[in-house]
C-alpha atoms as a PDB file:
ATOM      1  CA  MET A   1     129.554 111.459 140.283  1.00  0.00           C
ATOM      2  CA  HIS A   2     127.539 114.536 139.281  1.00  0.00           C
ATOM      3  CA  ARG A   3     130.325 115.567 136.867  1.00  0.00           C
ATOM      4  CA  ARG A   4     130.324 112.081 135.281  1.00  0.00           C
ATOM      5  CA  ALA A   5     126.544 112.269 134.757  1.00  0.00           C
ATOM      6  CA  LEU A   6     126.904 115.680 133.141  1.00  0.00           C
ATOM      7  CA  LEU A   7     129.655 114.419 130.836  1.00  0.00           C
ATOM      8  CA  SER A   8     127.563 111.386 129.902  1.00  0.00           C
ATOM      9  CA  SER A   9     124.561 113.584 129.165  1.00  0.00           C
ATOM     10  CA  ALA A  10     126.684 115.971 127.098  1.00  0.00           C
ATOM     11  CA  ALA A  11     128.103 113.067 125.096  1.00  0.00           C
ATOM     12  CA  ALA A  12     124.615 111.734 124.376  1.00  0.00           C
ATOM     13  CA  LEU A  13     123.453 115.168 123.229  1.00  0.00           C
ATOM     14  CA  SER A  14     126.541 115.534 121.019  1.00  0.00           C
ATOM     15  CA  LEU A  15     125.880 112.147 119.373  1.00  0.00           C
ATOM     16  CA  ALA A  16     122.226 113.027 118.814  1.00  0.00           C
ATOM     17  CA  GLY A  17     123.234 116.376 117.351  1.00  0.00           C
ATOM     18  CA  LEU A  18     125.841 114.752 115.122  1.00  0.00           C
ATOM     19  CA  SER A  19     123.295 112.221 113.857  1.00  0.00           C
ATOM     20  CA  GLY A  20     120.907 115.049 113.005  1.00  0.00           C
ATOM     21  CA  CYS A  21     123.657 116.961 111.198  1.00  0.00           C
ATOM     22  CA  LEU A  22     124.648 113.886 109.205  1.00  0.00           C
ATOM     23  CA  ALA A  23     121.012 113.303 108.240  1.00  0.00           C
ATOM     24  CA  ASP A  24     120.716 116.943 107.117  1.00  0.00           C
ATOM     25  CA  ALA A  25     123.968 116.653 105.157  1.00  0.00           C
ATOM     26  CA  ARG A  26     122.783 113.463 103.446  1.00  0.00           C
ATOM     27  CA  ARG A  27     119.456 115.082 102.500  1.00  0.00           C
ATOM     28  CA  THR A  28     121.353 118.049 101.053  1.00  0.00           C
ATOM     29  CA  ALA A  29     123.760 115.829  99.120  1.00  0.00           C
ATOM     30  CA  SER A  30     121.314 113.176  97.946  1.00  0.00           C
ATOM     31  CA  GLY A  31     117.815 114.531  98.328  1.00  0.00           C
ATOM     32  CA  ARG A  32     114.986 112.670  99.948  1.00  0.00           C
ATOM     33  CA  ILE A  33     114.309 108.953  99.875  1.00  0.00           C
ATOM     34  CA  ARG A  34     111.261 108.158  97.752  1.00  0.00           C
ATOM     35  CA  ALA A  35     109.397 104.845  97.802  1.00  0.00           C
ATOM     36  CA  ASP A  36     108.823 103.779  94.200  1.00  0.00           C
ATOM     37  CA  THR A  37     107.354 100.285  93.806  1.00  0.00           C
ATOM     38  CA  GLY A  38     106.803  97.310  96.052  1.00  0.00           C
ATOM     39  CA  HIS A  39     104.731  94.249  96.756  1.00  0.00           C
ATOM     40  CA  SER A  40     103.992  91.780  99.548  1.00  0.00           C
ATOM     41  CA  LYS A  41     103.039  88.145  99.369  1.00  0.00           C
ATOM     42  CA  LEU A  42     101.438  86.244 102.235  1.00  0.00           C
ATOM     43  CA  HIS A  43     102.120  82.518 102.005  1.00  0.00           C
ATOM     44  CA  PRO A  44     102.462  79.350 104.102  1.00  0.00           C
ATOM     45  CA  ALA A  45     105.774  79.227 105.967  1.00  0.00           C
ATOM     46  CA  ASP A  46     106.753  75.972 104.283  1.00  0.00           C
ATOM     47  CA  GLU A  47     106.508  77.630 100.842  1.00  0.00           C
ATOM     48  CA  GLN A  48     109.858  79.365 101.084  1.00  0.00           C
ATOM     49  CA  TYR A  49     110.677  82.400  98.933  1.00  0.00           C
ATOM     50  CA  VAL A  50     113.991  83.570 100.419  1.00  0.00           C
ATOM     51  CA  ASN A  51     116.935  81.245 100.976  1.00  0.00           C
ATOM     52  CA  GLY A  52     118.166  80.555 104.492  1.00  0.00           C
ATOM     53  CA  SER A  53     116.216  80.480 107.719  1.00  0.00           C
ATOM     54  CA  PHE A  54     114.879  82.844 110.335  1.00  0.00           C
ATOM     55  CA  PRO A  55     117.230  83.591 113.240  1.00  0.00           C
ATOM     56  CA  ASP A  56     116.715  81.587 116.425  1.00  0.00           C
ATOM     57  CA  ASP A  57     113.806  82.973 118.454  1.00  0.00           C
ATOM     58  CA  ALA A  58     113.017  85.633 115.852  1.00  0.00           C
ATOM     59  CA  ASP A  59     110.134  86.024 113.403  1.00  0.00           C
ATOM     60  CA  PHE A  60     111.733  88.748 111.288  1.00  0.00           C
ATOM     61  CA  ARG A  61     114.625  88.919 108.832  1.00  0.00           C
ATOM     62  CA  GLY A  62     115.512  91.578 106.301  1.00  0.00           C
ATOM     63  CA  TRP A  63     118.207  93.152 104.128  1.00  0.00           C
ATOM     64  CA  LEU A  64     119.090  96.152 101.975  1.00  0.00           C
ATOM     65  CA  PHE A  65     120.513  95.902  98.453  1.00  0.00           C
ATOM     66  CA  GLY A  66     122.453  98.915  97.162  1.00  0.00           C
ATOM     67  CA  ASP A  67     123.573  96.830  94.166  1.00  0.00           C
ATOM     68  CA  PRO A  68     122.107  93.701  92.570  1.00  0.00           C
ATOM     69  CA  PRO A  69     123.523  90.427  93.901  1.00  0.00           C
ATOM     70  CA  ASP A  70     125.859  88.556  91.574  1.00  0.00           C
ATOM     71  CA  ASP A  71     123.213  85.845  91.310  1.00  0.00           C
ATOM     72  CA  GLN A  72     119.581  86.334  92.362  1.00  0.00           C
ATOM     73  CA  THR A  73     119.281  82.619  93.079  1.00  0.00           C
ATOM     74  CA  ASP A  74     121.653  83.188  96.019  1.00  0.00           C
ATOM     75  CA  VAL A  75     118.771  85.166  97.543  1.00  0.00           C
ATOM     76  CA  PHE A  76     115.551  83.699  96.135  1.00  0.00           C
ATOM     77  CA  THR A  77     114.363  80.111  95.996  1.00  0.00           C
ATOM     78  CA  ASP A  78     113.224  78.494  92.751  1.00  0.00           C
ATOM     79  CA  ARG A  79     109.616  79.173  93.792  1.00  0.00           C
ATOM     80  CA  ALA A  80     110.300  82.915  93.987  1.00  0.00           C
ATOM     81  CA  MET A  81     112.290  83.003  90.756  1.00  0.00           C
ATOM     82  CA  GLN A  82     109.336  81.512  88.875  1.00  0.00           C
ATOM     83  CA  GLY A  83     107.039  84.321  90.028  1.00  0.00           C
ATOM     84  CA  GLU A  84     106.951  88.080  90.537  1.00  0.00           C
ATOM     85  CA  TYR A  85     110.313  88.243  92.349  1.00  0.00           C
ATOM     86  CA  SER A  86     112.319  86.957  89.371  1.00  0.00           C
ATOM     87  CA  ASN A  87     113.986  90.266  88.396  1.00  0.00           C
ATOM     88  CA  ASP A  88     113.196  92.564  91.312  1.00  0.00           C
ATOM     89  CA  LEU A  89     116.721  92.717  92.743  1.00  0.00           C
ATOM     90  CA  LEU A  90     118.001  94.092  89.430  1.00  0.00           C
ATOM     91  CA  TRP A  91     116.354  97.379  90.491  1.00  0.00           C
ATOM     92  CA  ALA A  92     119.123  97.903  93.054  1.00  0.00           C
ATOM     93  CA  GLU A  93     121.519  99.965  90.994  1.00  0.00           C
ATOM     94  CA  GLY A  94     122.214 103.539  90.033  1.00  0.00           C
ATOM     95  CA  ASP A  95     119.900 105.813  92.000  1.00  0.00           C
ATOM     96  CA  SER A  96     117.867 103.035  93.622  1.00  0.00           C
ATOM     97  CA  PHE A  97     118.109 100.524  96.424  1.00  0.00           C
ATOM     98  CA  VAL A  98     115.927  97.572  97.409  1.00  0.00           C
ATOM     99  CA  LEU A  99     114.516  96.512 100.770  1.00  0.00           C
ATOM    100  CA  LEU A 100     113.638  92.837 101.231  1.00  0.00           C
ATOM    101  CA  PHE A 101     112.196  91.464 104.448  1.00  0.00           C
ATOM    102  CA  GLU A 102     110.060  88.635 105.802  1.00  0.00           C
ATOM    103  CA  VAL A 103     107.780  88.436 108.829  1.00  0.00           C
ATOM    104  CA  ARG A 104     106.633  85.068 110.193  1.00  0.00           C
ATOM    105  CA  MET A 105     103.354  84.855 112.120  1.00  0.00           C
ATOM    106  CA  ALA A 106     100.590  82.585 113.321  1.00  0.00           C
ATOM    107  CA  ARG A 107      97.582  82.380 111.003  1.00  0.00           C
ATOM    108  CA  GLU A 108      95.369  84.293 113.453  1.00  0.00           C
ATOM    109  CA  ASP A 109      97.889  87.179 113.370  1.00  0.00           C
ATOM    110  CA  ALA A 110      98.112  87.236 109.563  1.00  0.00           C
ATOM    111  CA  ALA A 111      99.048  90.598 108.046  1.00  0.00           C
ATOM    112  CA  PHE A 112     100.496  92.227 104.977  1.00  0.00           C
ATOM    113  CA  TYR A 113     103.436  94.586 105.459  1.00  0.00           C
ATOM    114  CA  ASN A 114     103.973  97.500 103.059  1.00  0.00           C
ATOM    115  CA  VAL A 115     106.020 100.683 102.981  1.00  0.00           C
ATOM    116  CA  ALA A 116     104.273 103.655 104.580  1.00  0.00           C
ATOM    117  CA  GLN A 117     104.785 107.360 103.917  1.00  0.00           C
ATOM    118  CA  SER A 118     107.864 109.496 104.519  1.00  0.00           C
ATOM    119  CA  PRO A 119     111.014 107.375 104.472  1.00  0.00           C
ATOM    120  CA  SER A 120     113.891 109.585 105.601  1.00  0.00           C
ATOM    121  CA  TRP A 121     117.585 109.835 106.366  1.00  0.00           C
ATOM    122  CA  THR A 122     118.586 109.570 110.044  1.00  0.00           C
ATOM    123  CA  GLY A 123     122.354 109.695 109.445  1.00  0.00           C
ATOM    124  CA  TRP A 124     124.907 109.713 106.641  1.00  0.00           C
ATOM    125  CA  ARG A 125     124.266 106.032 105.758  1.00  0.00           C
ATOM    126  CA  ASP A 126     121.248 105.341 107.991  1.00  0.00           C
ATOM    127  CA  ALA A 127     117.574 105.549 107.040  1.00  0.00           C
ATOM    128  CA  ASP A 128     114.169 105.297 108.677  1.00  0.00           C
ATOM    129  CA  LEU A 129     111.659 103.287 106.612  1.00  0.00           C
ATOM    130  CA  PRO A 130     108.128 103.299 108.086  1.00  0.00           C
ATOM    131  CA  ILE A 131     106.151 100.127 107.403  1.00  0.00           C
ATOM    132  CA  ARG A 132     102.385  99.700 107.756  1.00  0.00           C
ATOM    133  CA  ARG A 133     100.826  96.462 108.918  1.00  0.00           C
ATOM    134  CA  SER A 134      97.330  95.585 107.670  1.00  0.00           C
ATOM    135  CA  PRO A 135      95.351  92.342 108.104  1.00  0.00           C
ATOM    136  CA  PRO A 136      94.013  90.540 105.025  1.00  0.00           C
ATOM    137  CA  SER A 137      90.338  91.010 104.252  1.00  0.00           C
ATOM    138  CA  ASP A 138      89.867  87.242 104.072  1.00  0.00           C
ATOM    139  CA  LEU A 139      91.892  84.528 105.783  1.00  0.00           C
ATOM    140  CA  GLU A 140      90.163  81.701 103.928  1.00  0.00           C
ATOM    141  CA  PRO A 141      92.820  81.311 101.177  1.00  0.00           C
ATOM    142  CA  PHE A 142      95.621  80.905 103.721  1.00  0.00           C
ATOM    143  CA  ASP A 143      95.330  77.293 104.804  1.00  0.00           C
ATOM    144  CA  ALA A 144      98.329  76.938 107.133  1.00  0.00           C
ATOM    145  CA  ASP A 145      98.998  77.367 110.843  1.00  0.00           C
ATOM    146  CA  THR A 146     102.083  79.538 110.238  1.00  0.00           C
ATOM    147  CA  LEU A 147     102.355  82.186 107.516  1.00  0.00           C
ATOM    148  CA  VAL A 148     105.129  84.402 106.192  1.00  0.00           C
ATOM    149  CA  CYS A 149     104.789  87.799 104.542  1.00  0.00           C
ATOM    150  CA  THR A 150     107.589  88.350 102.029  1.00  0.00           C
ATOM    151  CA  HIS A 151     107.948  92.019 101.097  1.00  0.00           C
ATOM    152  CA  LEU A 152     110.162  93.762  98.549  1.00  0.00           C
ATOM    153  CA  SER A 153     110.310  97.499  97.812  1.00  0.00           C
ATOM    154  CA  LYS A 154     112.385  99.724  95.567  1.00  0.00           C
ATOM    155  CA  PHE A 155     113.418 103.182  96.764  1.00  0.00           C
ATOM    156  CA  ASP A 156     114.838 106.023  94.678  1.00  0.00           C
ATOM    157  CA  VAL A 157     117.560 108.341  95.955  1.00  0.00           C
ATOM    158  CA  ALA A 158     119.518 110.854  93.883  1.00  0.00           C
ATOM    159  CA  ARG A 159     123.174 110.379  92.987  1.00  0.00           C
ATOM    160  CA  GLY A 160     123.456 106.736  93.882  1.00  0.00           C
ATOM    161  CA  ALA A 161     123.238 107.135  97.649  1.00  0.00           C
ATOM    162  CA  ALA A 162     122.009 103.988  99.374  1.00  0.00           C
ATOM    163  CA  PRO A 163     121.783 103.402 103.122  1.00  0.00           C
ATOM    164  CA  THR A 164     123.853 100.611 104.602  1.00  0.00           C
ATOM    165  CA  ASN A 165     121.479 100.278 107.559  1.00  0.00           C
ATOM    166  CA  ALA A 166     117.846 101.123 108.173  1.00  0.00           C
ATOM    167  CA  THR A 167     115.307 101.067 110.968  1.00  0.00           C
ATOM    168  CA  LEU A 168     111.907  99.637 110.061  1.00  0.00           C
ATOM    169  CA  ARG A 169     109.140 100.973 112.304  1.00  0.00           C
ATOM    170  CA  MET A 170     106.026  98.834 111.923  1.00  0.00           C
ATOM    171  CA  PHE A 171     102.703 100.661 112.368  1.00  0.00           C
ATOM    172  CA  GLU A 172      99.175  99.327 112.568  1.00  0.00           C
ATOM    173  CA  ARG A 173      96.855 100.370 109.742  1.00  0.00           C
ATOM    174  CA  ASP A 174      93.390 101.614 110.644  1.00  0.00           C
ATOM    175  CA  ASP A 175      91.015  99.743 108.316  1.00  0.00           C
ATOM    176  CA  GLU A 176      88.140 102.148 108.933  1.00  0.00           C
ATOM    177  CA  SER A 177      89.934 105.393 108.103  1.00  0.00           C
ATOM    178  CA  GLY A 178      92.632 103.952 105.862  1.00  0.00           C
ATOM    179  CA  THR A 179      95.272 105.933 107.743  1.00  0.00           C
ATOM    180  CA  THR A 180      98.477 104.645 109.235  1.00  0.00           C
ATOM    181  CA  HIS A 181      99.046 105.435 112.879  1.00  0.00           C
ATOM    182  CA  GLY A 182     102.660 106.270 113.610  1.00  0.00           C
ATOM    183  CA  SER A 183     102.962 109.620 115.333  1.00  0.00           C
ATOM    184  CA  ALA A 184     102.895 108.190 118.846  1.00  0.00           C
ATOM    185  CA  VAL A 185     105.334 105.698 120.321  1.00  0.00           C
ATOM    186  CA  GLU A 186     102.518 103.405 121.468  1.00  0.00           C
ATOM    187  CA  SER A 187     101.304 102.940 117.879  1.00  0.00           C
ATOM    188  CA  VAL A 188     104.546 101.200 116.868  1.00  0.00           C
ATOM    189  CA  VAL A 189     103.885  97.460 116.601  1.00  0.00           C
ATOM    190  CA  ALA A 190     107.570  96.534 116.262  1.00  0.00           C
ATOM    191  CA  THR A 191     110.950  98.006 115.331  1.00  0.00           C
ATOM    192  CA  HIS A 192     113.619  96.134 113.375  1.00  0.00           C
ATOM    193  CA  ARG A 193     117.093  96.965 112.104  1.00  0.00           C
ATOM    194  CA  VAL A 194     118.264  95.778 108.699  1.00  0.00           C
ATOM    195  CA  GLY A 195     121.683  95.881 107.068  1.00  0.00           C
ATOM    196  CA  ARG A 196     123.108  94.992 103.701  1.00  0.00           C
ATOM    197  CA  TRP A 197     122.712  91.480 102.343  1.00  0.00           C
ATOM    198  CA  SER A 198     126.461  91.420 101.680  1.00  0.00           C
ATOM    199  CA  ASP A 199     127.186  92.071 105.391  1.00  0.00           C
ATOM    200  CA  ARG A 200     125.000  89.309 106.789  1.00  0.00           C
END
């Protein structure tokens, strides 16, 4: 039994070490991930911006785009295509990829979600994308019991490297200091995994 525990521990350490080596190799081959542009929109849940529905018993959904979709209307509703999202997915080509996600919440928990500092590689095709959560300064304009924050960001990476999966770690933003807490485990509000839109 003791030998089995040792083997299990050794395997876990080997996997962790391999993941670190792959992340180092990816950084060497492709450089660092750099957040370029992005925006969030807080809106009533019945004003849908992304096609499809939230998973059962989940208030989060998200995807990565390493290439533009064949047709953006497969992703966005007519409402989104008439506004600021109309050409955003075209950014996902060459040395860039796009992150799109939505968070559903009760009005009293309303928040904007935006990319925080220091996105990084965690494996050859895996990334860590920190996200900060900040409440709106005024809830008055949001006249609905349930809201959705739709967020889209573009990231730049050299030589066309784009992650196929990413972990989004959501941190709370401190309104007084303007800093994002994320160094301690207890400051993480939520963690979500996203994959490619084409693999959904």
